[in-house]
């Protein structure tokens, strides 16, 4: 009776040690999988970013476009601004100064409406409606085309008076010929340029990929070393093999006499 209970109790620690070994292997395997997958994702992001930058560098110059321009194209547009429809992109900064971006529609010679980001207007902390002069008559401007890449445009609270919290073409009821806007680079009505492409360089994505793969390597090393240690702890001890200490033998003999 005592021997059966002793064998059952000695088996419980062995089961727990094997359970810890299994949990350790699962956790390390999950970390390895996570590191490898995220590293591959960042690696592909770096490749995609290189292709995108190359496409931007080779973007064509298009004069008086009648079809949707490709992303990053340098456009030449002639027409006249609609100064009364100007709205302001709130909370822009340039060289430490606070202001707004000036967004003015332009109608070209074909009657197509374009949304033009004319540049930066300093306002400071004032929340009064900004005032800006707009050229009258026919103008010729150039700029970089940025397509509206959002899947679902958001409109509503984005417009506060004449201030926009983000560029939102839907704020102009008449709409525009194409979904996107032109960042003016030259021509009448140009203000200080505040906009620059917010593009993470491919090298940064590559560095992130290396970091994730390093995590996977550390997890692999931890898996091997930890598994060896836990496996050694899970091996049957002298008691687990049924070789009881001398004191246990005397205890069993005493129980038999009784």
C-alpha atoms as a PDB file:
ATOM      1  CA  UNK A   1       0.000   0.000   0.000  1.00  0.00           C
ATOM      2  CA  UNK A   2       2.764   2.385   1.000  1.00  0.00           C
ATOM      3  CA  UNK A   3       4.855   1.368  -1.995  1.00  0.00           C
ATOM      4  CA  UNK A   4       1.987   2.053  -4.431  1.00  0.00           C
ATOM      5  CA  UNK A   5       1.413   5.502  -2.907  1.00  0.00           C
ATOM      6  CA  UNK A   6       5.150   6.255  -3.068  1.00  0.00           C
ATOM      7  CA  UNK A   7       5.343   5.265  -6.733  1.00  0.00           C
ATOM      8  CA  UNK A   8       2.306   7.432  -7.586  1.00  0.00           C
ATOM      9  CA  UNK A   9       3.731  10.444  -5.771  1.00  0.00           C
ATOM     10  CA  UNK A  10       7.141  10.038  -7.395  1.00  0.00           C
ATOM     11  CA  UNK A  11       5.509  10.002 -10.836  1.00  0.00           C
ATOM     12  CA  UNK A  12       3.812  13.355 -10.355  1.00  0.00           C
ATOM     13  CA  UNK A  13       7.004  15.481 -10.365  1.00  0.00           C
ATOM     14  CA  UNK A  14       8.169  13.643 -13.461  1.00  0.00           C
ATOM     15  CA  UNK A  15       4.907  14.505 -15.255  1.00  0.00           C
ATOM     16  CA  UNK A  16       5.229  18.156 -14.205  1.00  0.00           C
ATOM     17  CA  UNK A  17       8.805  18.321 -15.490  1.00  0.00           C
ATOM     18  CA  UNK A  18       7.752  16.888 -18.821  1.00  0.00           C
ATOM     19  CA  UNK A  19       4.896  19.416 -18.956  1.00  0.00           C
ATOM     20  CA  UNK A  20       7.314  22.281 -18.402  1.00  0.00           C
ATOM     21  CA  UNK A  21       9.519  20.931 -21.172  1.00  0.00           C
ATOM     22  CA  UNK A  22       6.580  20.853 -23.585  1.00  0.00           C
ATOM     23  CA  UNK A  23       5.468  24.394 -22.672  1.00  0.00           C
ATOM     24  CA  UNK A  24       9.009  25.699 -23.137  1.00  0.00           C
ATOM     25  CA  UNK A  25       9.281  24.127 -26.576  1.00  0.00           C
ATOM     26  CA  UNK A  26       5.923  25.567 -27.656  1.00  0.00           C
ATOM     27  CA  UNK A  27       6.784  29.107 -26.480  1.00  0.00           C
ATOM     28  CA  UNK A  28      10.186  29.108 -28.160  1.00  0.00           C
ATOM     29  CA  UNK A  29       8.685  27.719 -31.359  1.00  0.00           C
ATOM     30  CA  UNK A  30       6.082  30.481 -31.396  1.00  0.00           C
ATOM     31  CA  UNK A  31       8.786  33.134 -30.970  1.00  0.00           C
ATOM     32  CA  UNK A  32      10.812  31.587 -33.775  1.00  0.00           C
ATOM     33  CA  UNK A  33       7.800  31.539 -36.087  1.00  0.00           C
ATOM     34  CA  UNK A  34       6.915  35.132 -35.212  1.00  0.00           C
ATOM     35  CA  UNK A  35      10.473  36.339 -35.836  1.00  0.00           C
ATOM     36  CA  UNK A  36      10.773  34.553 -39.168  1.00  0.00           C
ATOM     37  CA  UNK A  37       7.374  35.728 -40.465  1.00  0.00           C
ATOM     38  CA  UNK A  38       7.833  39.352 -39.427  1.00  0.00           C
ATOM     39  CA  UNK A  39      11.355  39.354 -40.831  1.00  0.00           C
ATOM     40  CA  UNK A  40      10.093  38.117 -44.193  1.00  0.00           C
ATOM     41  CA  UNK A  41       7.338  40.742 -44.126  1.00  0.00           C
ATOM     42  CA  UNK A  42       9.841  43.559 -43.545  1.00  0.00           C
ATOM     43  CA  UNK A  43      12.127  42.116 -46.231  1.00  0.00           C
ATOM     44  CA  UNK A  44       9.307  42.228 -48.777  1.00  0.00           C
ATOM     45  CA  UNK A  45       8.404  45.738 -47.626  1.00  0.00           C
ATOM     46  CA  UNK A  46      11.955  46.825 -48.380  1.00  0.00           C
ATOM     47  CA  UNK A  47      11.738  45.344 -51.886  1.00  0.00           C
ATOM     48  CA  UNK A  48       8.382  47.038 -52.512  1.00  0.00           C
ATOM     49  CA  UNK A  49       9.754  50.369 -51.259  1.00  0.00           C
ATOM     50  CA  UNK A  50      12.728  50.132 -53.635  1.00  0.00           C
ATOM     51  CA  UNK A  51      10.368  49.561 -56.551  1.00  0.00           C
ATOM     52  CA  UNK A  52       8.205  52.485 -55.427  1.00  0.00           C
ATOM     53  CA  UNK A  53      11.164  54.858 -55.113  1.00  0.00           C
ATOM     54  CA  UNK A  54      12.425  53.780 -58.517  1.00  0.00           C
ATOM     55  CA  UNK A  55       8.989  54.437 -59.998  1.00  0.00           C
ATOM     56  CA  UNK A  56       8.932  57.881 -58.362  1.00  0.00           C
ATOM     57  CA  UNK A  57      12.364  58.700 -59.757  1.00  0.00           C
ATOM     58  CA  UNK A  58      11.257  57.705 -63.250  1.00  0.00           C
ATOM     59  CA  UNK A  59       7.813  59.304 -63.034  1.00  0.00           C
ATOM     60  CA  UNK A  60       6.970  61.161 -66.262  1.00  0.00           C
ATOM     61  CA  UNK A  61       6.247  64.834 -66.781  1.00  0.00           C
ATOM     62  CA  UNK A  62       2.736  65.303 -68.133  1.00  0.00           C
ATOM     63  CA  UNK A  63       1.412  68.564 -69.543  1.00  0.00           C
ATOM     64  CA  UNK A  64      -2.316  69.275 -69.392  1.00  0.00           C
ATOM     65  CA  UNK A  65      -3.249  65.656 -68.495  1.00  0.00           C
ATOM     66  CA  UNK A  66      -6.621  64.343 -69.607  1.00  0.00           C
ATOM     67  CA  UNK A  67      -6.247  60.918 -67.964  1.00  0.00           C
ATOM     68  CA  UNK A  68      -5.414  59.853 -64.417  1.00  0.00           C
ATOM     69  CA  UNK A  69      -1.714  60.608 -63.770  1.00  0.00           C
ATOM     70  CA  UNK A  70       0.537  57.989 -62.241  1.00  0.00           C
ATOM     71  CA  UNK A  71       1.701  58.459 -58.664  1.00  0.00           C
ATOM     72  CA  UNK A  72       4.535  60.974 -58.390  1.00  0.00           C
ATOM     73  CA  UNK A  73       4.126  62.374 -61.902  1.00  0.00           C
ATOM     74  CA  UNK A  74       5.215  65.957 -62.472  1.00  0.00           C
ATOM     75  CA  UNK A  75       2.202  67.747 -63.896  1.00  0.00           C
ATOM     76  CA  UNK A  76       1.962  70.996 -65.819  1.00  0.00           C
ATOM     77  CA  UNK A  77      -1.530  72.486 -65.553  1.00  0.00           C
ATOM     78  CA  UNK A  78      -2.912  75.716 -66.984  1.00  0.00           C
ATOM     79  CA  UNK A  79      -6.149  77.325 -65.861  1.00  0.00           C
ATOM     80  CA  UNK A  80      -7.447  79.608 -63.145  1.00  0.00           C
ATOM     81  CA  UNK A  81      -7.728  79.266 -59.373  1.00  0.00           C
ATOM     82  CA  UNK A  82     -11.047  79.321 -57.517  1.00  0.00           C
ATOM     83  CA  UNK A  83      -9.885  81.479 -54.634  1.00  0.00           C
ATOM     84  CA  UNK A  84     -13.264  81.629 -52.901  1.00  0.00           C
ATOM     85  CA  UNK A  85     -13.219  77.842 -52.450  1.00  0.00           C
ATOM     86  CA  UNK A  86      -9.886  77.825 -50.619  1.00  0.00           C
ATOM     87  CA  UNK A  87      -9.744  75.671 -47.477  1.00  0.00           C
ATOM     88  CA  UNK A  88      -6.888  75.294 -45.025  1.00  0.00           C
ATOM     89  CA  UNK A  89      -5.155  72.137 -43.828  1.00  0.00           C
ATOM     90  CA  UNK A  90      -4.820  72.643 -40.098  1.00  0.00           C
ATOM     91  CA  UNK A  91      -1.789  72.153 -37.832  1.00  0.00           C
ATOM     92  CA  UNK A  92       1.053  72.226 -40.359  1.00  0.00           C
ATOM     93  CA  UNK A  93       4.614  73.190 -39.375  1.00  0.00           C
ATOM     94  CA  UNK A  94       7.563  74.559 -41.313  1.00  0.00           C
ATOM     95  CA  UNK A  95      10.948  75.381 -39.762  1.00  0.00           C
ATOM     96  CA  UNK A  96       9.392  75.382 -36.308  1.00  0.00           C
ATOM     97  CA  UNK A  97       6.564  77.717 -37.305  1.00  0.00           C
ATOM     98  CA  UNK A  98       2.913  76.785 -36.896  1.00  0.00           C
ATOM     99  CA  UNK A  99       0.432  77.356 -39.675  1.00  0.00           C
ATOM    100  CA  UNK A 100      -1.809  75.787 -42.281  1.00  0.00           C
ATOM    101  CA  UNK A 101      -1.565  74.307 -45.740  1.00  0.00           C
ATOM    102  CA  UNK A 102      -3.440  76.284 -48.401  1.00  0.00           C
ATOM    103  CA  UNK A 103      -5.702  74.136 -50.579  1.00  0.00           C
ATOM    104  CA  UNK A 104      -7.232  75.869 -53.601  1.00  0.00           C
ATOM    105  CA  UNK A 105      -9.169  74.252 -56.469  1.00  0.00           C
ATOM    106  CA  UNK A 106      -8.024  75.005 -60.027  1.00  0.00           C
ATOM    107  CA  UNK A 107     -10.043  74.618 -63.218  1.00  0.00           C
ATOM    108  CA  UNK A 108      -7.861  73.838 -66.243  1.00  0.00           C
ATOM    109  CA  UNK A 109      -8.455  74.731 -69.878  1.00  0.00           C
ATOM    110  CA  UNK A 110     -10.515  71.549 -70.355  1.00  0.00           C
ATOM    111  CA  UNK A 111     -12.862  72.328 -67.471  1.00  0.00           C
ATOM    112  CA  UNK A 112     -11.280  69.736 -65.201  1.00  0.00           C
ATOM    113  CA  UNK A 113     -11.099  70.588 -61.512  1.00  0.00           C
ATOM    114  CA  UNK A 114      -7.798  69.939 -59.675  1.00  0.00           C
ATOM    115  CA  UNK A 115      -7.111  70.227 -55.951  1.00  0.00           C
ATOM    116  CA  UNK A 116      -3.863  72.148 -55.488  1.00  0.00           C
ATOM    117  CA  UNK A 117      -1.760  72.285 -52.340  1.00  0.00           C
ATOM    118  CA  UNK A 118      -0.228  75.731 -52.791  1.00  0.00           C
ATOM    119  CA  UNK A 119       2.055  75.582 -49.745  1.00  0.00           C
ATOM    120  CA  UNK A 120       2.404  76.847 -46.173  1.00  0.00           C
ATOM    121  CA  UNK A 121       0.820  79.889 -44.538  1.00  0.00           C
ATOM    122  CA  UNK A 122       1.994  80.854 -41.050  1.00  0.00           C
ATOM    123  CA  UNK A 123      -0.791  81.557 -38.555  1.00  0.00           C
ATOM    124  CA  UNK A 124       0.819  80.991 -35.169  1.00  0.00           C
ATOM    125  CA  UNK A 125      -1.528  79.997 -32.349  1.00  0.00           C
ATOM    126  CA  UNK A 126      -4.439  82.008 -33.726  1.00  0.00           C
ATOM    127  CA  UNK A 127      -7.610  80.063 -34.528  1.00  0.00           C
ATOM    128  CA  UNK A 128      -9.068  82.845 -36.652  1.00  0.00           C
ATOM    129  CA  UNK A 129      -9.864  82.004 -40.268  1.00  0.00           C
ATOM    130  CA  UNK A 130      -6.636  82.507 -42.256  1.00  0.00           C
ATOM    131  CA  UNK A 131      -6.522  85.006 -45.090  1.00  0.00           C
ATOM    132  CA  UNK A 132      -4.480  84.420 -48.244  1.00  0.00           C
ATOM    133  CA  UNK A 133      -4.364  86.124 -51.615  1.00  0.00           C
ATOM    134  CA  UNK A 134      -5.051  84.084 -54.740  1.00  0.00           C
ATOM    135  CA  UNK A 135      -3.899  85.001 -58.263  1.00  0.00           C
ATOM    136  CA  UNK A 136      -6.632  86.015 -60.641  1.00  0.00           C
ATOM    137  CA  UNK A 137      -6.696  85.159 -64.294  1.00  0.00           C
ATOM    138  CA  UNK A 138      -4.926  82.382 -66.134  1.00  0.00           C
ATOM    139  CA  UNK A 139      -1.987  80.667 -64.433  1.00  0.00           C
ATOM    140  CA  UNK A 140       0.498  77.952 -65.340  1.00  0.00           C
ATOM    141  CA  UNK A 141       1.693  75.772 -62.478  1.00  0.00           C
ATOM    142  CA  UNK A 142       3.733  72.606 -62.008  1.00  0.00           C
ATOM    143  CA  UNK A 143       3.706  70.128 -59.167  1.00  0.00           C
ATOM    144  CA  UNK A 144       3.892  66.522 -58.007  1.00  0.00           C
ATOM    145  CA  UNK A 145       0.760  64.419 -58.195  1.00  0.00           C
ATOM    146  CA  UNK A 146      -0.266  62.415 -55.140  1.00  0.00           C
ATOM    147  CA  UNK A 147      -3.117  59.971 -55.562  1.00  0.00           C
ATOM    148  CA  UNK A 148      -5.645  59.548 -52.784  1.00  0.00           C
ATOM    149  CA  UNK A 149      -4.742  56.067 -51.605  1.00  0.00           C
ATOM    150  CA  UNK A 150      -7.335  55.794 -48.854  1.00  0.00           C
ATOM    151  CA  UNK A 151      -9.830  52.958 -49.205  1.00  0.00           C
ATOM    152  CA  UNK A 152     -12.672  54.839 -47.535  1.00  0.00           C
ATOM    153  CA  UNK A 153     -12.508  58.661 -47.432  1.00  0.00           C
ATOM    154  CA  UNK A 154     -13.637  60.132 -44.131  1.00  0.00           C
ATOM    155  CA  UNK A 155     -15.664  63.319 -44.073  1.00  0.00           C
ATOM    156  CA  UNK A 156     -17.636  65.004 -41.352  1.00  0.00           C
ATOM    157  CA  UNK A 157     -15.803  66.297 -38.318  1.00  0.00           C
ATOM    158  CA  UNK A 158     -12.676  66.699 -40.465  1.00  0.00           C
ATOM    159  CA  UNK A 159     -13.989  70.151 -41.518  1.00  0.00           C
ATOM    160  CA  UNK A 160     -14.129  72.877 -38.875  1.00  0.00           C
ATOM    161  CA  UNK A 161     -15.133  76.166 -40.428  1.00  0.00           C
ATOM    162  CA  UNK A 162     -12.640  76.488 -43.265  1.00  0.00           C
ATOM    163  CA  UNK A 163     -10.019  74.293 -41.606  1.00  0.00           C
ATOM    164  CA  UNK A 164      -9.491  70.658 -42.551  1.00  0.00           C
ATOM    165  CA  UNK A 165      -7.866  68.156 -40.229  1.00  0.00           C
ATOM    166  CA  UNK A 166      -6.751  66.104 -43.210  1.00  0.00           C
ATOM    167  CA  UNK A 167      -6.830  66.538 -46.967  1.00  0.00           C
ATOM    168  CA  UNK A 168     -10.363  65.523 -47.884  1.00  0.00           C
ATOM    169  CA  UNK A 169     -11.551  66.155 -51.474  1.00  0.00           C
ATOM    170  CA  UNK A 170     -15.142  65.476 -50.377  1.00  0.00           C
ATOM    171  CA  UNK A 171     -15.079  68.802 -48.523  1.00  0.00           C
ATOM    172  CA  UNK A 172     -15.619  70.478 -51.919  1.00  0.00           C
ATOM    173  CA  UNK A 173     -19.144  69.565 -53.081  1.00  0.00           C
ATOM    174  CA  UNK A 174     -18.289  70.073 -56.760  1.00  0.00           C
ATOM    175  CA  UNK A 175     -15.630  67.368 -56.544  1.00  0.00           C
ATOM    176  CA  UNK A 176     -12.546  66.930 -58.724  1.00  0.00           C
ATOM    177  CA  UNK A 177     -11.614  65.206 -61.954  1.00  0.00           C
ATOM    178  CA  UNK A 178      -9.332  62.685 -60.248  1.00  0.00           C
ATOM    179  CA  UNK A 179      -8.957  61.352 -56.703  1.00  0.00           C
ATOM    180  CA  UNK A 180      -5.834  63.055 -55.434  1.00  0.00           C
ATOM    181  CA  UNK A 181      -4.133  66.424 -55.235  1.00  0.00           C
ATOM    182  CA  UNK A 182      -1.281  68.373 -56.778  1.00  0.00           C
ATOM    183  CA  UNK A 183       1.558  69.636 -54.579  1.00  0.00           C
ATOM    184  CA  UNK A 184       2.500  72.868 -56.337  1.00  0.00           C
ATOM    185  CA  UNK A 185       6.208  73.358 -56.990  1.00  0.00           C
ATOM    186  CA  UNK A 186       6.265  76.434 -59.240  1.00  0.00           C
ATOM    187  CA  UNK A 187       3.999  79.023 -60.801  1.00  0.00           C
ATOM    188  CA  UNK A 188       1.741  81.837 -59.646  1.00  0.00           C
ATOM    189  CA  UNK A 189       0.208  81.517 -56.184  1.00  0.00           C
ATOM    190  CA  UNK A 190       3.030  79.332 -54.835  1.00  0.00           C
ATOM    191  CA  UNK A 191       3.669  79.603 -51.088  1.00  0.00           C
ATOM    192  CA  UNK A 192       6.572  78.127 -49.067  1.00  0.00           C
ATOM    193  CA  UNK A 193       6.641  74.368 -49.633  1.00  0.00           C
ATOM    194  CA  UNK A 194       5.942  72.375 -46.482  1.00  0.00           C
ATOM    195  CA  UNK A 195       5.111  68.949 -47.871  1.00  0.00           C
ATOM    196  CA  UNK A 196       7.692  66.190 -48.227  1.00  0.00           C
ATOM    197  CA  UNK A 197       6.956  62.507 -48.927  1.00  0.00           C
ATOM    198  CA  UNK A 198       6.772  60.547 -45.678  1.00  0.00           C
ATOM    199  CA  UNK A 199       8.599  57.472 -46.892  1.00  0.00           C
ATOM    200  CA  UNK A 200      10.554  55.066 -44.729  1.00  0.00           C
ATOM    201  CA  UNK A 201      13.762  54.140 -46.606  1.00  0.00           C
ATOM    202  CA  UNK A 202      14.224  50.516 -47.686  1.00  0.00           C
ATOM    203  CA  UNK A 203      17.291  50.242 -45.456  1.00  0.00           C
ATOM    204  CA  UNK A 204      15.105  50.746 -42.397  1.00  0.00           C
ATOM    205  CA  UNK A 205      12.853  47.849 -43.391  1.00  0.00           C
ATOM    206  CA  UNK A 206      15.928  45.674 -43.985  1.00  0.00           C
ATOM    207  CA  UNK A 207      17.247  46.555 -40.520  1.00  0.00           C
ATOM    208  CA  UNK A 208      13.895  45.589 -38.991  1.00  0.00           C
ATOM    209  CA  UNK A 209      13.996  42.279 -40.861  1.00  0.00           C
ATOM    210  CA  UNK A 210      17.447  41.523 -39.441  1.00  0.00           C
ATOM    211  CA  UNK A 211      16.200  42.347 -35.936  1.00  0.00           C
ATOM    212  CA  UNK A 212      13.252  39.970 -36.234  1.00  0.00           C
ATOM    213  CA  UNK A 213      15.469  37.203 -37.576  1.00  0.00           C
ATOM    214  CA  UNK A 214      17.879  37.807 -34.702  1.00  0.00           C
ATOM    215  CA  UNK A 215      14.956  37.289 -32.337  1.00  0.00           C
ATOM    216  CA  UNK A 216      14.197  33.995 -34.072  1.00  0.00           C
ATOM    217  CA  UNK A 217      17.838  32.938 -33.667  1.00  0.00           C
ATOM    218  CA  UNK A 218      17.813  33.803 -29.951  1.00  0.00           C
ATOM    219  CA  UNK A 219      14.601  31.794 -29.565  1.00  0.00           C
ATOM    220  CA  UNK A 220      16.253  28.833 -31.282  1.00  0.00           C
ATOM    221  CA  UNK A 221      19.257  28.985 -28.962  1.00  0.00           C
ATOM    222  CA  UNK A 222      16.969  29.287 -25.945  1.00  0.00           C
ATOM    223  CA  UNK A 223      14.957  26.325 -27.205  1.00  0.00           C
ATOM    224  CA  UNK A 224      18.015  24.079 -27.479  1.00  0.00           C
ATOM    225  CA  UNK A 225      19.623  25.070 -24.180  1.00  0.00           C
ATOM    226  CA  UNK A 226      16.385  25.156 -22.214  1.00  0.00           C
ATOM    227  CA  UNK A 227      15.182  21.859 -23.653  1.00  0.00           C
ATOM    228  CA  UNK A 228      18.439  20.158 -22.676  1.00  0.00           C
ATOM    229  CA  UNK A 229      18.159  21.431 -19.133  1.00  0.00           C
ATOM    230  CA  UNK A 230      14.504  20.512 -18.728  1.00  0.00           C
ATOM    231  CA  UNK A 231      15.025  17.146 -20.372  1.00  0.00           C
ATOM    232  CA  UNK A 232      17.793  16.372 -17.926  1.00  0.00           C
ATOM    233  CA  UNK A 233      15.495  17.339 -15.048  1.00  0.00           C
ATOM    234  CA  UNK A 234      12.775  15.090 -16.473  1.00  0.00           C
ATOM    235  CA  UNK A 235      14.949  11.970 -16.382  1.00  0.00           C
ATOM    236  CA  UNK A 236      13.856   9.430 -13.712  1.00  0.00           C
ATOM    237  CA  UNK A 237      15.681   9.939 -10.419  1.00  0.00           C
ATOM    238  CA  UNK A 238      16.793   7.184  -8.072  1.00  0.00           C
ATOM    239  CA  UNK A 239      13.485   7.378  -6.251  1.00  0.00           C
ATOM    240  CA  UNK A 240      11.531   7.337  -9.550  1.00  0.00           C
ATOM    241  CA  UNK A 241      13.294   4.067 -10.531  1.00  0.00           C
ATOM    242  CA  UNK A 242      12.062   2.313  -7.407  1.00  0.00           C
ATOM    243  CA  UNK A 243      15.368   2.348  -5.462  1.00  0.00           C
ATOM    244  CA  UNK A 244      14.080   3.690  -2.174  1.00  0.00           C
ATOM    245  CA  UNK A 245      16.408   5.016   0.501  1.00  0.00           C
ATOM    246  CA  UNK A 246      17.244   2.803   3.495  1.00  0.00           C
ATOM    247  CA  UNK A 247      14.961   4.794   5.765  1.00  0.00           C
ATOM    248  CA  UNK A 248      12.013   3.942   3.494  1.00  0.00           C
ATOM    249  CA  UNK A 249      12.839   0.223   3.771  1.00  0.00           C
ATOM    250  CA  UNK A 250      12.705   0.376   7.561  1.00  0.00           C
ATOM    251  CA  UNK A 251       9.411   2.201   7.340  1.00  0.00           C
ATOM    252  CA  UNK A 252       7.953  -0.453   5.050  1.00  0.00           C
ATOM    253  CA  UNK A 253       9.177  -3.313   7.352  1.00  0.00           C
ATOM    254  CA  UNK A 254       7.544  -1.601  10.312  1.00  0.00           C
ATOM    255  CA  UNK A 255       4.292  -1.276   8.431  1.00  0.00           C
ATOM    256  CA  UNK A 256       4.392  -5.036   7.588  1.00  0.00           C
ATOM    257  CA  UNK A 257       4.876  -6.015  11.270  1.00  0.00           C
ATOM    258  CA  UNK A 258       1.842  -4.021  12.171  1.00  0.00           C
END
